[in-house]
Amino acid sequence: MAINSQTKSKLKIGDKLYRYTGTSIMSYEVYGVVKRDVGTLYEIRCLDCRDHPDCEILIAESKDGYVFVDMINQDDQDIWHRTSDAYHRYERTKNLAVKNRKRWTIDYIKKQIRQSKDSIEKNEERVKELKTDIEALEEQL
C-alpha cells in the first residue's frame, strides 16, 4: 500500500488524528514531536478516554500511515489504541478513518466467506467418502 496522501505533510503540535473502532471514532491530538535517527515520532493524547486519565501514545509514520509504537502512560489501555494493520491506523480525517475500517471489515468478511466455502467443500467431500464406504459395506452383505 502506498503512503496515504493524508500523511504527506508532517504532523505538528495541535494536529488532530482519528481512529474508527467499528463503533465510534476516537480522536487524538498531537502534543509532541520527537526527532530520531530512524525518523520522527509523534506523541499524541487520546481526547476520548473517559474512565481513566488521558492516554498518551507514541506513534510513527509508516508506509501505511500513522501507526502505534507504544503507550507513554496507561500501559494497560493499549488495547484501545494499538494499530494491528494498515486498516486500523491513525488518520488525519474522520472520513478516512471510517473508510479504512470499513475496508478492513469487508476484507475480514471475505476471509470468513472463503473459510466457510472451504469448510463446506471439505464436508461435502467427506459425505461422498462416507457414502462410498456405506455402499461398499452394503455390497458385502
N, C-alpha and C. Protein backbone atom coordinates (compact mmCIF):
# COMPACT_ATOMS: atom_id res chain seq x y z
N MET A 1 0.85 -1.17 0.00
CA MET A 1 0.00 0.00 0.00
C MET A 1 0.90 1.24 0.00
N ALA A 2 0.62 2.18 -0.84
CA ALA A 2 1.42 3.39 -0.94
C ALA A 2 1.14 4.31 0.25
N ILE A 3 2.05 5.24 0.45
CA ILE A 3 1.82 6.21 1.53
C ILE A 3 0.55 6.97 1.23
N ASN A 4 -0.27 7.02 2.18
CA ASN A 4 -1.56 7.70 2.10
C ASN A 4 -1.31 9.20 1.86
N SER A 5 -2.07 9.79 0.96
CA SER A 5 -1.89 11.21 0.67
C SER A 5 -2.13 12.07 1.91
N GLN A 6 -2.85 11.54 2.88
CA GLN A 6 -3.13 12.27 4.11
C GLN A 6 -1.87 12.44 4.96
N THR A 7 -0.84 11.60 4.74
CA THR A 7 0.35 11.65 5.58
C THR A 7 1.52 12.34 4.91
N LYS A 8 1.34 12.92 3.74
CA LYS A 8 2.46 13.55 3.03
C LYS A 8 3.03 14.74 3.78
N SER A 9 2.19 15.52 4.45
CA SER A 9 2.72 16.63 5.24
C SER A 9 2.91 16.15 6.67
N LYS A 10 4.00 16.58 7.28
CA LYS A 10 4.32 16.13 8.64
C LYS A 10 3.32 16.70 9.64
N LEU A 11 3.11 15.95 10.69
CA LEU A 11 2.24 16.41 11.77
C LEU A 11 2.94 17.49 12.58
N LYS A 12 2.14 18.33 13.19
CA LYS A 12 2.68 19.34 14.08
C LYS A 12 1.81 19.39 15.35
N ILE A 13 2.34 19.99 16.38
CA ILE A 13 1.62 20.07 17.65
C ILE A 13 0.27 20.76 17.41
N GLY A 14 -0.77 20.13 17.96
CA GLY A 14 -2.12 20.64 17.81
C GLY A 14 -2.93 19.93 16.72
N ASP A 15 -2.25 19.22 15.81
CA ASP A 15 -2.98 18.48 14.76
C ASP A 15 -3.83 17.39 15.39
N LYS A 16 -4.93 17.08 14.74
CA LYS A 16 -5.84 16.03 15.20
C LYS A 16 -5.67 14.79 14.32
N LEU A 17 -5.83 13.62 14.94
CA LEU A 17 -5.86 12.34 14.24
C LEU A 17 -7.08 11.57 14.73
N TYR A 18 -7.48 10.56 13.95
CA TYR A 18 -8.69 9.80 14.28
C TYR A 18 -8.49 8.32 13.98
N ARG A 19 -9.21 7.50 14.76
CA ARG A 19 -9.30 6.06 14.50
C ARG A 19 -10.75 5.67 14.68
N TYR A 20 -11.22 4.81 13.78
CA TYR A 20 -12.60 4.30 13.90
C TYR A 20 -12.51 2.89 14.46
N THR A 21 -13.17 2.65 15.56
CA THR A 21 -13.07 1.35 16.24
C THR A 21 -14.09 0.35 15.73
N GLY A 22 -14.98 0.77 14.86
CA GLY A 22 -16.07 -0.09 14.44
C GLY A 22 -17.38 0.34 15.06
N THR A 23 -17.28 1.05 16.18
CA THR A 23 -18.48 1.56 16.84
C THR A 23 -18.41 3.05 17.10
N SER A 24 -17.20 3.58 17.16
CA SER A 24 -17.06 5.01 17.41
C SER A 24 -15.74 5.53 16.84
N ILE A 25 -15.67 6.83 16.70
CA ILE A 25 -14.45 7.46 16.22
C ILE A 25 -13.69 7.99 17.43
N MET A 26 -12.45 7.56 17.57
CA MET A 26 -11.58 8.04 18.64
C MET A 26 -10.79 9.23 18.10
N SER A 27 -10.69 10.29 18.89
CA SER A 27 -9.97 11.50 18.49
C SER A 27 -8.68 11.63 19.30
N TYR A 28 -7.65 12.11 18.64
CA TYR A 28 -6.34 12.28 19.27
C TYR A 28 -5.77 13.64 18.87
N GLU A 29 -4.89 14.17 19.73
CA GLU A 29 -4.24 15.44 19.42
C GLU A 29 -2.73 15.27 19.61
N VAL A 30 -1.97 15.78 18.65
CA VAL A 30 -0.52 15.74 18.74
C VAL A 30 -0.07 16.77 19.78
N TYR A 31 0.73 16.33 20.76
CA TYR A 31 1.26 17.26 21.75
C TYR A 31 2.78 17.26 21.79
N GLY A 32 3.41 16.39 21.02
CA GLY A 32 4.86 16.36 20.99
C GLY A 32 5.39 15.76 19.70
N VAL A 33 6.54 16.24 19.27
CA VAL A 33 7.21 15.73 18.09
C VAL A 33 8.63 15.37 18.51
N VAL A 34 9.02 14.11 18.28
CA VAL A 34 10.32 13.61 18.71
C VAL A 34 11.12 13.19 17.47
N LYS A 35 12.22 13.87 17.22
CA LYS A 35 13.08 13.54 16.08
C LYS A 35 14.08 12.48 16.52
N ARG A 36 14.18 11.41 15.74
CA ARG A 36 15.13 10.33 16.00
C ARG A 36 15.90 10.04 14.71
N ASP A 37 17.00 9.30 14.83
CA ASP A 37 17.76 8.92 13.64
C ASP A 37 16.92 8.11 12.67
N VAL A 38 16.03 7.30 13.20
CA VAL A 38 15.20 6.43 12.37
C VAL A 38 13.98 7.15 11.80
N GLY A 39 13.72 8.36 12.25
CA GLY A 39 12.57 9.10 11.77
C GLY A 39 11.93 9.91 12.87
N THR A 40 10.78 10.45 12.56
CA THR A 40 10.06 11.29 13.51
C THR A 40 8.97 10.48 14.19
N LEU A 41 8.90 10.63 15.49
CA LEU A 41 7.84 10.01 16.28
C LEU A 41 6.94 11.13 16.80
N TYR A 42 5.68 10.79 17.01
CA TYR A 42 4.71 11.79 17.48
C TYR A 42 4.08 11.31 18.78
N GLU A 43 3.97 12.22 19.71
CA GLU A 43 3.28 11.95 20.97
C GLU A 43 1.87 12.49 20.82
N ILE A 44 0.90 11.61 21.01
CA ILE A 44 -0.50 12.02 20.87
C ILE A 44 -1.25 11.69 22.16
N ARG A 45 -2.31 12.42 22.39
CA ARG A 45 -3.16 12.21 23.57
C ARG A 45 -4.56 11.89 23.09
N CYS A 46 -5.13 10.84 23.67
CA CYS A 46 -6.50 10.47 23.34
C CYS A 46 -7.44 11.50 23.97
N LEU A 47 -8.32 12.03 23.17
CA LEU A 47 -9.26 13.03 23.66
C LEU A 47 -10.57 12.40 24.13
N ASP A 48 -10.71 11.09 23.96
CA ASP A 48 -11.98 10.43 24.25
C ASP A 48 -11.95 9.49 25.45
N CYS A 49 -10.79 9.26 26.06
CA CYS A 49 -10.73 8.37 27.21
C CYS A 49 -11.47 9.02 28.38
N ARG A 50 -12.45 8.32 28.93
CA ARG A 50 -13.29 8.90 29.98
C ARG A 50 -13.15 8.18 31.32
N ASP A 51 -12.77 6.89 31.30
CA ASP A 51 -12.76 6.14 32.55
C ASP A 51 -11.37 6.11 33.20
N HIS A 52 -10.42 6.87 32.67
CA HIS A 52 -9.08 6.96 33.22
C HIS A 52 -8.43 8.22 32.65
N PRO A 53 -7.31 8.66 33.21
CA PRO A 53 -6.65 9.86 32.67
C PRO A 53 -6.34 9.68 31.18
N ASP A 54 -6.25 10.78 30.48
CA ASP A 54 -5.99 10.71 29.04
C ASP A 54 -4.81 9.82 28.72
N CYS A 55 -4.99 8.92 27.78
CA CYS A 55 -3.91 8.06 27.33
C CYS A 55 -2.97 8.86 26.45
N GLU A 56 -1.69 8.64 26.65
CA GLU A 56 -0.67 9.26 25.83
C GLU A 56 0.03 8.16 25.06
N ILE A 57 0.16 8.36 23.76
CA ILE A 57 0.59 7.31 22.86
C ILE A 57 1.71 7.82 21.97
N LEU A 58 2.65 6.95 21.67
CA LEU A 58 3.73 7.27 20.75
C LEU A 58 3.41 6.60 19.42
N ILE A 59 3.39 7.38 18.34
CA ILE A 59 3.10 6.82 17.01
C ILE A 59 4.21 7.20 16.05
N ALA A 60 4.25 6.51 14.93
CA ALA A 60 5.23 6.79 13.88
C ALA A 60 4.53 6.71 12.54
N GLU A 61 5.15 7.32 11.55
CA GLU A 61 4.62 7.23 10.19
C GLU A 61 5.28 6.04 9.51
N SER A 62 4.46 5.16 8.97
CA SER A 62 4.96 4.00 8.21
C SER A 62 4.50 4.16 6.77
N LYS A 63 4.81 3.19 5.95
CA LYS A 63 4.36 3.25 4.55
C LYS A 63 2.84 3.24 4.46
N ASP A 64 2.18 2.74 5.51
CA ASP A 64 0.73 2.65 5.51
C ASP A 64 0.05 3.80 6.25
N GLY A 65 0.81 4.71 6.81
CA GLY A 65 0.21 5.81 7.55
C GLY A 65 0.75 5.87 8.96
N TYR A 66 0.01 6.47 9.86
CA TYR A 66 0.45 6.63 11.24
C TYR A 66 0.04 5.41 12.06
N VAL A 67 1.02 4.79 12.72
CA VAL A 67 0.78 3.55 13.45
C VAL A 67 1.27 3.64 14.89
N PHE A 68 0.68 2.83 15.74
CA PHE A 68 1.01 2.73 17.16
C PHE A 68 2.44 2.23 17.33
N VAL A 69 3.19 2.86 18.23
CA VAL A 69 4.51 2.38 18.60
C VAL A 69 4.47 1.86 20.04
N ASP A 70 3.99 2.71 20.96
CA ASP A 70 3.96 2.31 22.36
C ASP A 70 3.07 3.27 23.14
N MET A 71 2.68 2.83 24.32
CA MET A 71 1.96 3.70 25.24
C MET A 71 3.00 4.50 26.03
N ILE A 72 2.76 5.78 26.22
CA ILE A 72 3.63 6.61 27.05
C ILE A 72 3.18 6.49 28.50
N ASN A 73 1.88 6.40 28.70
CA ASN A 73 1.31 6.17 30.04
C ASN A 73 0.17 5.17 29.88
N GLN A 74 -0.46 4.80 30.95
CA GLN A 74 -1.64 3.92 30.91
C GLN A 74 -1.39 2.65 30.08
N ASP A 75 -0.29 1.94 30.38
CA ASP A 75 0.08 0.76 29.59
C ASP A 75 -1.03 -0.26 29.44
N ASP A 76 -1.89 -0.36 30.46
CA ASP A 76 -2.96 -1.35 30.40
C ASP A 76 -4.09 -0.95 29.44
N GLN A 77 -4.01 0.23 28.86
CA GLN A 77 -5.05 0.70 27.95
C GLN A 77 -4.65 0.57 26.48
N ASP A 78 -3.52 -0.08 26.21
CA ASP A 78 -3.05 -0.14 24.82
C ASP A 78 -4.01 -0.87 23.89
N ILE A 79 -4.83 -1.74 24.42
CA ILE A 79 -5.79 -2.46 23.56
C ILE A 79 -6.71 -1.49 22.82
N TRP A 80 -6.97 -0.33 23.40
CA TRP A 80 -7.87 0.64 22.78
C TRP A 80 -7.18 1.48 21.71
N HIS A 81 -5.86 1.50 21.73
CA HIS A 81 -5.14 2.43 20.87
C HIS A 81 -4.17 1.76 19.90
N ARG A 82 -3.90 0.48 20.09
CA ARG A 82 -2.94 -0.24 19.26
C ARG A 82 -3.45 -0.35 17.82
N THR A 83 -2.53 -0.28 16.87
CA THR A 83 -2.88 -0.47 15.46
C THR A 83 -2.29 -1.80 15.02
N SER A 84 -3.12 -2.69 14.52
CA SER A 84 -2.64 -4.03 14.17
C SER A 84 -2.33 -4.18 12.69
N ASP A 85 -2.82 -3.30 11.87
CA ASP A 85 -2.58 -3.40 10.43
C ASP A 85 -2.91 -2.08 9.77
N ALA A 86 -2.81 -2.06 8.46
CA ALA A 86 -3.00 -0.81 7.72
C ALA A 86 -4.40 -0.23 7.86
N TYR A 87 -5.37 -1.05 8.20
CA TYR A 87 -6.74 -0.56 8.29
C TYR A 87 -7.06 0.08 9.63
N HIS A 88 -6.24 -0.16 10.62
CA HIS A 88 -6.51 0.35 11.96
C HIS A 88 -5.62 1.53 12.33
N ARG A 89 -5.00 2.12 11.37
CA ARG A 89 -4.05 3.20 11.64
C ARG A 89 -4.76 4.50 12.02
N TYR A 90 -3.96 5.44 12.48
CA TYR A 90 -4.46 6.77 12.82
C TYR A 90 -4.54 7.56 11.51
N GLU A 91 -5.62 8.29 11.34
CA GLU A 91 -5.84 9.04 10.10
C GLU A 91 -6.02 10.52 10.40
N ARG A 92 -5.80 11.33 9.38
CA ARG A 92 -5.93 12.78 9.53
C ARG A 92 -7.38 13.26 9.46
N THR A 93 -8.27 12.44 8.91
CA THR A 93 -9.68 12.84 8.85
C THR A 93 -10.56 11.71 9.39
N LYS A 94 -11.71 12.08 9.92
CA LYS A 94 -12.67 11.09 10.40
C LYS A 94 -13.15 10.22 9.25
N ASN A 95 -13.39 10.84 8.09
CA ASN A 95 -13.88 10.12 6.94
C ASN A 95 -12.91 9.00 6.53
N LEU A 96 -11.64 9.31 6.48
CA LEU A 96 -10.64 8.31 6.09
C LEU A 96 -10.54 7.20 7.14
N ALA A 97 -10.66 7.55 8.41
CA ALA A 97 -10.62 6.55 9.47
C ALA A 97 -11.78 5.56 9.32
N VAL A 98 -12.97 6.07 9.06
CA VAL A 98 -14.15 5.21 8.89
C VAL A 98 -14.00 4.37 7.62
N LYS A 99 -13.56 4.99 6.54
CA LYS A 99 -13.41 4.29 5.26
C LYS A 99 -12.43 3.12 5.39
N ASN A 100 -11.30 3.35 6.02
CA ASN A 100 -10.31 2.28 6.15
C ASN A 100 -10.79 1.15 7.05
N ARG A 101 -11.51 1.49 8.11
CA ARG A 101 -12.05 0.43 8.97
C ARG A 101 -13.10 -0.38 8.22
N LYS A 102 -13.92 0.28 7.42
CA LYS A 102 -14.92 -0.45 6.63
C LYS A 102 -14.25 -1.34 5.60
N ARG A 103 -13.13 -0.88 5.03
CA ARG A 103 -12.36 -1.75 4.10
C ARG A 103 -11.86 -2.99 4.83
N TRP A 104 -11.36 -2.79 6.06
CA TRP A 104 -10.91 -3.92 6.86
C TRP A 104 -12.06 -4.89 7.10
N THR A 105 -13.24 -4.36 7.43
CA THR A 105 -14.40 -5.20 7.68
C THR A 105 -14.77 -6.01 6.45
N ILE A 106 -14.72 -5.39 5.29
CA ILE A 106 -15.00 -6.10 4.03
C ILE A 106 -14.01 -7.24 3.85
N ASP A 107 -12.71 -6.95 4.02
CA ASP A 107 -11.68 -7.98 3.87
C ASP A 107 -11.89 -9.11 4.87
N TYR A 108 -12.24 -8.76 6.10
CA TYR A 108 -12.48 -9.76 7.13
C TYR A 108 -13.66 -10.66 6.75
N ILE A 109 -14.74 -10.06 6.28
CA ILE A 109 -15.92 -10.84 5.89
C ILE A 109 -15.59 -11.74 4.70
N LYS A 110 -14.85 -11.22 3.73
CA LYS A 110 -14.45 -12.04 2.57
C LYS A 110 -13.62 -13.24 3.02
N LYS A 111 -12.73 -13.01 3.97
CA LYS A 111 -11.92 -14.11 4.50
C LYS A 111 -12.81 -15.16 5.17
N GLN A 112 -13.79 -14.69 5.95
CA GLN A 112 -14.73 -15.62 6.60
C GLN A 112 -15.52 -16.42 5.56
N ILE A 113 -15.92 -15.75 4.49
CA ILE A 113 -16.67 -16.43 3.42
C ILE A 113 -15.80 -17.52 2.79
N ARG A 114 -14.52 -17.17 2.47
CA ARG A 114 -13.60 -18.16 1.89
C ARG A 114 -13.43 -19.35 2.81
N GLN A 115 -13.25 -19.09 4.11
CA GLN A 115 -13.09 -20.17 5.06
C GLN A 115 -14.34 -21.03 5.14
N SER A 116 -15.50 -20.41 5.09
CA SER A 116 -16.76 -21.16 5.12
C SER A 116 -16.90 -22.02 3.88
N LYS A 117 -16.57 -21.46 2.72
CA LYS A 117 -16.65 -22.23 1.47
C LYS A 117 -15.69 -23.42 1.51
N ASP A 118 -14.49 -23.20 2.02
CA ASP A 118 -13.52 -24.29 2.14
C ASP A 118 -14.05 -25.38 3.05
N SER A 119 -14.67 -24.98 4.15
CA SER A 119 -15.23 -25.94 5.09
C SER A 119 -16.38 -26.72 4.45
N ILE A 120 -17.21 -26.05 3.70
CA ILE A 120 -18.32 -26.72 3.01
C ILE A 120 -17.78 -27.74 2.02
N GLU A 121 -16.78 -27.34 1.24
CA GLU A 121 -16.19 -28.26 0.26
C GLU A 121 -15.60 -29.49 0.94
N LYS A 122 -14.89 -29.30 2.04
CA LYS A 122 -14.31 -30.43 2.78
C LYS A 122 -15.41 -31.33 3.33
N ASN A 123 -16.47 -30.74 3.85
CA ASN A 123 -17.57 -31.54 4.39
C ASN A 123 -18.31 -32.30 3.29
N GLU A 124 -18.49 -31.65 2.13
CA GLU A 124 -19.13 -32.35 1.01
C GLU A 124 -18.29 -33.53 0.55
N GLU A 125 -16.97 -33.37 0.51
CA GLU A 125 -16.07 -34.46 0.14
C GLU A 125 -16.15 -35.59 1.16
N ARG A 126 -16.21 -35.23 2.43
CA ARG A 126 -16.32 -36.24 3.49
C ARG A 126 -17.62 -37.02 3.38
N VAL A 127 -18.72 -36.32 3.05
CA VAL A 127 -20.01 -37.00 2.85
C VAL A 127 -19.90 -38.00 1.71
N LYS A 128 -19.28 -37.62 0.60
CA LYS A 128 -19.09 -38.53 -0.53
C LYS A 128 -18.30 -39.77 -0.12
N GLU A 129 -17.22 -39.54 0.65
CA GLU A 129 -16.41 -40.67 1.12
C GLU A 129 -17.23 -41.61 1.99
N LEU A 130 -18.02 -41.06 2.89
CA LEU A 130 -18.85 -41.88 3.77
C LEU A 130 -19.90 -42.67 2.99
N LYS A 131 -20.51 -42.03 1.99
CA LYS A 131 -21.49 -42.73 1.15
C LYS A 131 -20.83 -43.87 0.39
N THR A 132 -19.62 -43.63 -0.10
CA THR A 132 -18.87 -44.69 -0.79
C THR A 132 -18.59 -45.84 0.16
N ASP A 133 -18.20 -45.53 1.39
CA ASP A 133 -17.96 -46.56 2.41
C ASP A 133 -19.22 -47.36 2.69
N ILE A 134 -20.36 -46.65 2.79
CA ILE A 134 -21.63 -47.33 3.06
C ILE A 134 -21.99 -48.26 1.91
N GLU A 135 -21.84 -47.79 0.67
CA GLU A 135 -22.13 -48.63 -0.49
C GLU A 135 -21.26 -49.86 -0.52
N ALA A 136 -19.99 -49.70 -0.16
CA ALA A 136 -19.09 -50.85 -0.15
C ALA A 136 -19.52 -51.85 0.93
N LEU A 137 -19.94 -51.35 2.06
CA LEU A 137 -20.42 -52.23 3.13
C LEU A 137 -21.70 -52.96 2.73
N GLU A 138 -22.60 -52.25 2.01
CA GLU A 138 -23.85 -52.88 1.58
C GLU A 138 -23.59 -54.00 0.58
N GLU A 139 -22.58 -53.83 -0.25
CA GLU A 139 -22.24 -54.87 -1.23
C GLU A 139 -21.71 -56.12 -0.55
N GLN A 140 -21.14 -55.96 0.63
CA GLN A 140 -20.59 -57.12 1.36
C GLN A 140 -21.68 -57.93 2.03
N LEU A 141 -22.87 -57.39 2.14
CA LEU A 141 -23.95 -58.13 2.82
C LEU A 141 -24.51 -59.22 2.02
